[in-house]
Amino acid sequence: MKTSDFDYALPQELIAQHPVEPRDHSRMMVCHRDTGLREHKHFYNLPDFLRPGDVLVINNTKVIPARLFGVREGTGAKVELLLLKRESRDVWETLARPAKRLRKGAIVVFGEGALRAQIIEELPEGGRRVRFMYAGVFEELLDRLGNMPLPPYIHEQLEDKNRYQTVYAKTEGSAAAPTAGLHFTPELMQRITDKGAAFVPLLLHVGLGTFRPVKEEDVEKHIMHSEYYELTQSAVEAIEACKARGNRVFAVGTTSVRVLQTAAQKDGRLHAGSGWTDIFITPGFTFHVMDGLITNFHLPQSTLLMLISAWMGREQALAAYEEAVRERYRFFSFGDAMLIV
């Protein structure tokens, strides 16, 4: 497979710069894998496609204000750090911009000295391992000094930072939102539970790799990023009970897919656990557990589009995307949704 096999033409004006209000008024393309039929609905129509006893698997990760703007000590040069992965209490893997200004030993100052970071290791592709120095509680400082790490294709400022969180976000640790979940409102979730379907949470902290393009033309040569996940025994039992009664499991977002397929890799059955996953899902992949997928429209030539193509077939996926362009759907993080059944 070639990376270029997953390309499509997208007019820039279809890249959503702001979220729809209310959340559940985004559009939703419903794709039926068995027939190829596509329907055009809104996200608030989702309960119409669910049955009593179905389960929706949601990722309850919470985005941290991971983007820090500061100056290099001694020169005053403006720099930016994007927090990617917490390795210990005060040591983080970050992405630095411009990285050339931050060599090993350099110190960055934030908030007039309330928070300082020393570069302790230079990593590939602009990465820097840093040690933070501060007085007080790091999370409180980050909440005060940090900014929400919006994707690079969003150029407008976000007035309400909670709009880049799902309404069910719980456990802090992501550098990006699990965007398929952004369409849910508490009222819609209540309508779904009133119908007899249930929500089952799991956790995957979304990393910057979500936005990194596939640079290798040969897909198999791409090195997948790793992300931390947790799947509890109670979640496993709820999903297994759903399957045992003949109901369906819907993964809300590609992040939920990654956890479910990681947990079922050994024998096709779910296993509770936690750790790091670098699973790379491309056409030809054998899926387990899930029966449907709720997702957004993804970047051309991205690992996420490859995952979607694995679930519904590459030709059918690209045809759906071409129709979405014709119908003027909104794309990417703040864009519209797909329900693939």
Protein backbone atom coordinates (compact mmCIF):
# COMPACT_ATOMS: atom_id res chain seq x y z
CA MET A 1 0.00 0.00 0.00
CA LYS A 2 1.08 3.51 -0.82
CA THR A 3 0.37 6.59 1.26
CA SER A 4 -0.86 8.30 -1.91
CA ASP A 5 -3.63 5.69 -2.09
CA PHE A 6 -5.31 7.55 0.79
CA ASP A 7 -5.34 11.02 -0.72
CA TYR A 8 -8.32 13.17 -1.61
CA ALA A 9 -8.88 16.78 -2.68
CA LEU A 10 -10.17 19.05 0.09
CA PRO A 11 -11.01 22.73 -0.41
CA GLN A 12 -9.47 24.79 2.39
CA GLU A 13 -12.77 26.46 3.19
CA LEU A 14 -14.22 23.11 4.34
CA ILE A 15 -11.72 22.85 7.22
CA ALA A 16 -13.86 23.84 10.22
CA GLN A 17 -12.36 26.71 12.20
CA HIS A 18 -14.93 26.74 14.99
CA PRO A 19 -17.38 24.25 16.51
CA VAL A 20 -21.09 24.12 15.73
CA GLU A 21 -23.51 25.22 18.44
CA PRO A 22 -25.22 23.33 19.93
CA ARG A 23 -22.71 20.50 19.77
CA ASP A 24 -25.17 17.90 18.48
CA HIS A 25 -26.29 20.08 15.54
CA SER A 26 -23.28 19.07 13.47
CA ARG A 27 -24.13 17.06 10.36
CA MET A 28 -23.70 13.28 10.32
CA MET A 29 -23.12 11.11 7.27
CA VAL A 30 -24.41 7.59 7.90
CA CYS A 31 -22.49 4.98 5.90
CA HIS A 32 -23.80 1.42 5.60
CA ARG A 33 -20.88 -0.88 4.88
CA ASP A 34 -22.94 -3.79 3.57
CA THR A 35 -24.89 -1.86 0.93
CA GLY A 36 -22.77 1.25 0.37
CA LEU A 37 -25.83 3.39 1.12
CA ARG A 38 -25.08 6.84 2.52
CA GLU A 39 -27.59 8.99 4.41
CA HIS A 40 -27.30 12.64 5.40
CA LYS A 41 -28.49 13.37 8.92
CA HIS A 42 -27.55 15.44 11.97
CA PHE A 43 -25.80 14.17 15.07
CA TYR A 44 -28.94 14.58 17.14
CA ASN A 45 -30.42 11.80 14.95
CA LEU A 46 -27.93 9.30 16.40
CA PRO A 47 -30.49 7.64 18.76
CA ASP A 48 -32.53 6.64 15.67
CA PHE A 49 -29.71 4.29 14.68
CA LEU A 50 -29.31 2.67 18.11
CA ARG A 51 -31.20 -0.22 19.69
CA PRO A 52 -31.93 -0.96 23.35
CA GLY A 53 -28.95 -2.89 24.73
CA ASP A 54 -26.36 -1.36 22.40
CA VAL A 55 -23.15 0.04 23.91
CA LEU A 56 -21.20 3.15 22.96
CA VAL A 57 -17.54 3.02 24.01
CA ILE A 58 -16.25 6.51 24.85
CA ASN A 59 -12.77 7.83 25.63
CA ASN A 60 -12.98 9.96 28.78
CA THR A 61 -9.52 11.50 28.49
CA LYS A 62 -9.27 15.21 29.23
CA VAL A 63 -7.11 17.66 27.27
CA ILE A 64 -4.60 19.60 29.33
CA PRO A 65 -3.65 23.22 28.46
CA ALA A 66 -0.47 21.77 27.02
CA ARG A 67 0.81 24.71 24.94
CA LEU A 68 3.20 26.99 26.86
CA PHE A 69 4.60 30.26 25.49
CA GLY A 70 7.77 31.55 27.13
CA VAL A 71 11.19 33.07 26.57
CA ARG A 72 14.66 31.60 26.66
CA GLU A 73 16.54 32.71 29.75
CA GLY A 74 19.45 34.98 28.88
CA THR A 75 18.34 35.92 25.37
CA GLY A 76 14.64 36.68 25.72
CA ALA A 77 13.93 34.78 22.49
CA LYS A 78 10.30 33.71 22.25
CA VAL A 79 9.76 29.94 22.30
CA GLU A 80 6.92 27.48 22.64
CA LEU A 81 6.69 24.08 24.32
CA LEU A 82 3.91 21.60 23.65
CA LEU A 83 3.62 18.97 26.39
CA LEU A 84 3.31 15.48 24.91
CA LYS A 85 4.05 12.87 27.55
CA ARG A 86 4.63 13.01 31.29
CA GLU A 87 7.50 10.68 32.11
CA SER A 88 7.82 11.44 35.82
CA ARG A 89 6.57 14.08 38.23
CA ASP A 90 8.48 16.98 36.67
CA VAL A 91 9.95 15.50 33.47
CA TRP A 92 8.01 15.75 30.21
CA GLU A 93 8.57 14.93 26.57
CA THR A 94 7.70 18.06 24.62
CA LEU A 95 7.74 19.54 21.14
CA ALA A 96 9.73 22.77 20.94
CA ARG A 97 9.30 25.64 18.48
CA PRO A 98 11.71 26.82 17.24
CA ALA A 99 13.73 23.85 18.44
CA LYS A 100 17.04 25.29 17.24
CA ARG A 101 16.86 27.87 20.02
CA LEU A 102 16.59 25.21 22.70
CA ARG A 103 19.72 23.11 23.01
CA LYS A 104 20.54 20.90 25.97
CA GLY A 105 20.97 22.95 29.13
CA ALA A 106 18.86 25.90 27.94
CA ILE A 107 16.22 27.23 30.33
CA VAL A 108 12.80 28.55 29.33
CA VAL A 109 10.88 30.94 31.56
CA PHE A 110 7.08 31.11 31.69
CA GLY A 111 4.82 33.53 33.53
CA GLU A 112 7.64 35.89 34.55
CA GLY A 113 9.40 33.06 36.37
CA ALA A 114 6.47 31.25 37.99
CA LEU A 115 7.44 28.20 35.91
CA ARG A 116 10.82 27.33 34.39
CA ALA A 117 11.92 24.42 32.22
CA GLN A 118 15.42 23.10 31.60
CA ILE A 119 16.16 21.19 28.40
CA ILE A 120 17.72 17.91 29.51
CA GLU A 121 17.73 16.02 26.18
CA GLU A 122 17.34 16.83 22.49
CA LEU A 123 14.97 14.45 20.68
CA PRO A 124 14.25 13.95 16.94
CA GLU A 125 11.86 16.15 14.94
CA GLY A 126 11.95 19.10 17.35
CA GLY A 127 11.31 17.04 20.44
CA ARG A 128 12.83 18.07 23.77
CA ARG A 129 12.83 16.31 27.13
CA VAL A 130 12.49 18.94 29.85
CA ARG A 131 12.50 19.19 33.63
CA PHE A 132 10.12 21.75 35.11
CA MET A 133 11.07 23.84 38.13
CA TYR A 134 8.46 25.71 40.17
CA ALA A 135 7.00 26.43 43.58
CA GLY A 136 3.47 25.24 44.32
CA VAL A 137 1.28 22.84 42.35
CA PHE A 138 2.29 22.16 38.74
CA GLU A 139 -1.29 21.50 37.56
CA GLU A 140 -2.46 24.85 38.92
CA LEU A 141 0.39 26.66 37.16
CA LEU A 142 -0.34 24.83 33.92
CA ASP A 143 -4.01 25.76 34.13
CA ARG A 144 -3.06 29.42 34.60
CA LEU A 145 -0.20 29.65 32.09
CA GLY A 146 -1.05 27.05 29.46
CA ASN A 147 -3.19 27.26 26.34
CA MET A 148 -5.36 24.60 24.72
CA PRO A 149 -3.31 22.82 22.03
CA LEU A 150 -5.57 23.31 19.02
CA PRO A 151 -4.52 21.49 15.84
CA PRO A 152 -2.28 23.43 13.41
CA TYR A 153 -5.05 23.68 10.80
CA ILE A 154 -7.26 25.72 13.17
CA HIS A 155 -6.27 29.36 12.91
CA GLU A 156 -9.00 31.03 14.96
CA GLN A 157 -8.83 31.51 18.71
CA LEU A 158 -11.18 29.42 20.85
CA GLU A 159 -13.32 31.65 23.06
CA ASP A 160 -14.35 28.86 25.43
CA LYS A 161 -11.53 26.37 26.09
CA ASN A 162 -14.05 23.80 27.32
CA ARG A 163 -15.35 23.58 23.76
CA TYR A 164 -12.24 21.51 22.98
CA GLN A 165 -13.27 19.00 25.66
CA THR A 166 -15.92 16.32 25.50
CA VAL A 167 -18.73 16.79 28.01
CA TYR A 168 -17.65 13.52 29.64
CA ALA A 169 -13.91 14.33 29.87
CA LYS A 170 -12.53 13.10 33.18
CA THR A 171 -8.87 12.04 33.31
CA GLU A 172 -6.29 14.70 32.36
CA GLY A 173 -3.43 13.78 30.05
CA SER A 174 -4.20 14.42 26.37
CA ALA A 175 -2.46 16.82 24.02
CA ALA A 176 -5.47 16.68 21.68
CA ALA A 177 -9.17 16.00 22.05
CA PRO A 178 -10.86 12.73 21.00
CA THR A 179 -12.88 14.79 18.54
CA ALA A 180 -15.65 12.32 17.68
CA GLY A 181 -16.91 12.82 21.22
CA LEU A 182 -17.19 16.60 20.84
CA HIS A 183 -20.64 16.17 19.25
CA PHE A 184 -22.30 14.79 22.38
CA THR A 185 -24.36 16.93 24.76
CA PRO A 186 -25.66 15.83 28.17
CA GLU A 187 -29.18 15.96 26.73
CA LEU A 188 -28.29 13.72 23.79
CA MET A 189 -26.56 11.26 26.10
CA GLN A 190 -29.72 11.16 28.22
CA ARG A 191 -31.85 10.45 25.14
CA ILE A 192 -29.52 7.58 24.26
CA THR A 193 -29.67 6.06 27.75
CA ASP A 194 -33.46 6.54 27.83
CA LYS A 195 -33.61 4.42 24.69
CA GLY A 196 -31.82 1.63 26.54
CA ALA A 197 -28.32 1.99 25.13
CA ALA A 198 -25.37 2.50 27.48
CA PHE A 199 -22.05 4.33 27.57
CA VAL A 200 -18.90 2.44 28.58
CA PRO A 201 -15.75 4.51 29.26
CA LEU A 202 -12.15 3.66 28.53
CA LEU A 203 -9.05 5.84 28.42
CA LEU A 204 -6.50 6.76 25.77
CA HIS A 205 -4.39 9.89 26.14
CA VAL A 206 -4.17 11.39 22.66
CA GLY A 207 -0.67 12.42 21.59
CA LEU A 208 0.73 14.70 18.92
CA GLY A 209 1.15 11.75 16.59
CA THR A 210 -2.52 12.27 15.74
CA PHE A 211 -1.47 15.27 13.63
CA ARG A 212 1.79 13.97 12.22
CA PRO A 213 1.56 13.14 8.51
CA VAL A 214 2.71 9.83 7.09
CA LYS A 215 5.97 10.75 5.40
CA GLU A 216 6.83 7.32 4.00
CA GLU A 217 5.27 6.50 0.61
CA ASP A 218 5.31 2.83 1.64
CA VAL A 219 2.69 2.66 4.39
CA GLU A 220 4.35 -0.29 6.10
CA LYS A 221 7.48 1.78 6.77
CA HIS A 222 5.59 4.34 8.86
CA ILE A 223 6.52 4.27 12.56
CA MET A 224 3.37 4.67 14.61
CA HIS A 225 3.29 6.89 17.70
CA SER A 226 2.49 5.29 21.06
CA GLU A 227 -0.25 6.42 23.44
CA TYR A 228 -1.16 5.45 27.00
CA TYR A 229 -4.40 3.51 27.49
CA GLU A 230 -6.49 1.91 30.23
CA LEU A 231 -9.32 -0.60 29.90
CA THR A 232 -10.97 -1.65 33.16
CA GLN A 233 -12.41 -5.05 33.97
CA SER A 234 -15.85 -3.51 34.45
CA ALA A 235 -15.67 -2.06 30.93
CA VAL A 236 -14.67 -5.46 29.54
CA GLU A 237 -17.60 -7.12 31.33
CA ALA A 238 -20.09 -4.54 30.05
CA ILE A 239 -18.89 -4.96 26.46
CA GLU A 240 -18.87 -8.76 26.68
CA ALA A 241 -22.40 -8.73 28.12
CA CYS A 242 -23.52 -6.57 25.20
CA LYS A 243 -22.07 -9.03 22.68
CA ALA A 244 -23.54 -12.01 24.53
CA ARG A 245 -27.06 -10.58 24.23
CA GLY A 246 -26.61 -10.05 20.52
CA ASN A 247 -26.36 -6.28 20.72
CA ARG A 248 -23.86 -3.99 19.03
CA VAL A 249 -20.74 -2.20 20.23
CA PHE A 250 -20.09 1.26 18.76
CA ALA A 251 -16.64 2.78 19.14
CA VAL A 252 -16.84 6.54 19.59
CA GLY A 253 -13.73 7.78 17.80
CA THR A 254 -10.57 6.20 16.46
CA THR A 255 -9.00 6.44 19.93
CA SER A 256 -11.62 4.02 21.29
CA VAL A 257 -10.93 1.75 18.31
CA ARG A 258 -7.22 1.71 19.13
CA VAL A 259 -7.88 0.63 22.71
CA LEU A 260 -10.42 -2.05 21.80
CA GLN A 261 -8.23 -3.57 19.09
CA THR A 262 -5.12 -3.40 21.29
CA ALA A 263 -6.95 -5.19 24.08
CA ALA A 264 -8.23 -7.89 21.71
CA GLN A 265 -5.03 -8.54 19.73
CA LYS A 266 -4.06 -11.86 21.34
CA ASP A 267 -7.16 -13.98 20.77
CA GLY A 268 -9.97 -11.68 19.67
CA ARG A 269 -11.34 -11.37 23.21
CA LEU A 270 -11.03 -8.25 25.31
CA HIS A 271 -8.51 -8.23 28.14
CA ALA A 272 -8.47 -5.55 30.81
CA GLY A 273 -5.19 -3.73 31.29
CA SER A 274 -3.17 -0.60 30.77
CA GLY A 275 0.02 0.41 29.01
CA TRP A 276 1.23 1.91 25.77
CA THR A 277 -0.15 1.07 22.35
CA ASP A 278 1.37 1.78 18.95
CA ILE A 279 -1.19 -0.25 17.01
CA PHE A 280 -1.32 0.72 13.34
CA ILE A 281 -4.61 -0.19 11.65
CA THR A 282 -4.60 -0.32 7.85
CA PRO A 283 -6.71 -2.15 5.23
CA GLY A 284 -6.50 -5.88 5.75
CA PHE A 285 -6.69 -5.56 9.53
CA THR A 286 -8.99 -8.02 11.32
CA PHE A 287 -11.33 -6.17 13.67
CA HIS A 288 -12.69 -7.63 16.87
CA VAL A 289 -15.52 -6.64 19.23
CA MET A 290 -16.81 -3.49 17.50
CA ASP A 291 -19.83 -3.34 15.21
CA GLY A 292 -19.97 0.36 14.40
CA LEU A 293 -17.85 3.49 14.46
CA ILE A 294 -18.58 7.15 15.11
CA THR A 295 -15.83 9.40 13.79
CA ASN A 296 -15.02 12.72 12.13
CA PHE A 297 -13.60 13.40 8.66
CA HIS A 298 -9.81 13.04 8.74
CA LEU A 299 -6.77 14.51 7.01
CA PRO A 300 -5.68 13.17 3.62
CA GLN A 301 -2.95 10.50 3.78
CA SER A 302 -3.31 10.23 7.57
CA THR A 303 -3.19 7.11 9.76
CA LEU A 304 -6.77 7.92 10.82
CA LEU A 305 -8.05 7.79 7.25
CA MET A 306 -6.19 4.49 6.87
CA LEU A 307 -8.03 3.17 9.93
CA ILE A 308 -11.38 4.28 8.48
CA SER A 309 -10.45 2.61 5.19
CA ALA A 310 -9.66 -0.59 7.06
CA TRP A 311 -13.13 -0.54 8.66
CA MET A 312 -15.26 0.27 5.59
CA GLY A 313 -12.95 -0.42 2.65
CA ARG A 314 -10.67 2.10 0.96
CA GLU A 315 -12.80 2.67 -2.13
CA GLN A 316 -15.98 3.09 -0.11
CA ALA A 317 -14.22 5.44 2.33
CA LEU A 318 -12.83 7.67 -0.42
CA ALA A 319 -16.21 7.71 -2.16
CA ALA A 320 -17.82 8.85 1.10
CA TYR A 321 -15.22 11.60 1.48
CA GLU A 322 -15.77 12.76 -2.10
CA GLU A 323 -19.50 12.95 -1.40
CA ALA A 324 -18.82 14.85 1.82
CA VAL A 325 -16.84 17.42 -0.18
CA ARG A 326 -19.66 17.75 -2.73
CA GLU A 327 -22.22 18.16 0.06
CA ARG A 328 -20.05 20.77 1.80
CA TYR A 329 -19.52 18.87 5.05
CA ARG A 330 -17.14 20.46 7.56
CA PHE A 331 -13.86 18.59 8.05
CA PHE A 332 -11.42 17.70 10.85
CA SER A 333 -11.54 18.39 14.60
CA PHE A 334 -14.41 20.88 14.73
CA GLY A 335 -16.11 19.38 11.69
CA ASP A 336 -19.02 17.03 11.07
CA ALA A 337 -19.38 13.37 11.91
CA MET A 338 -19.67 9.95 10.27
CA LEU A 339 -21.56 6.96 11.59
CA ILE A 340 -20.23 3.81 9.91
CA VAL A 341 -22.34 0.68 10.49
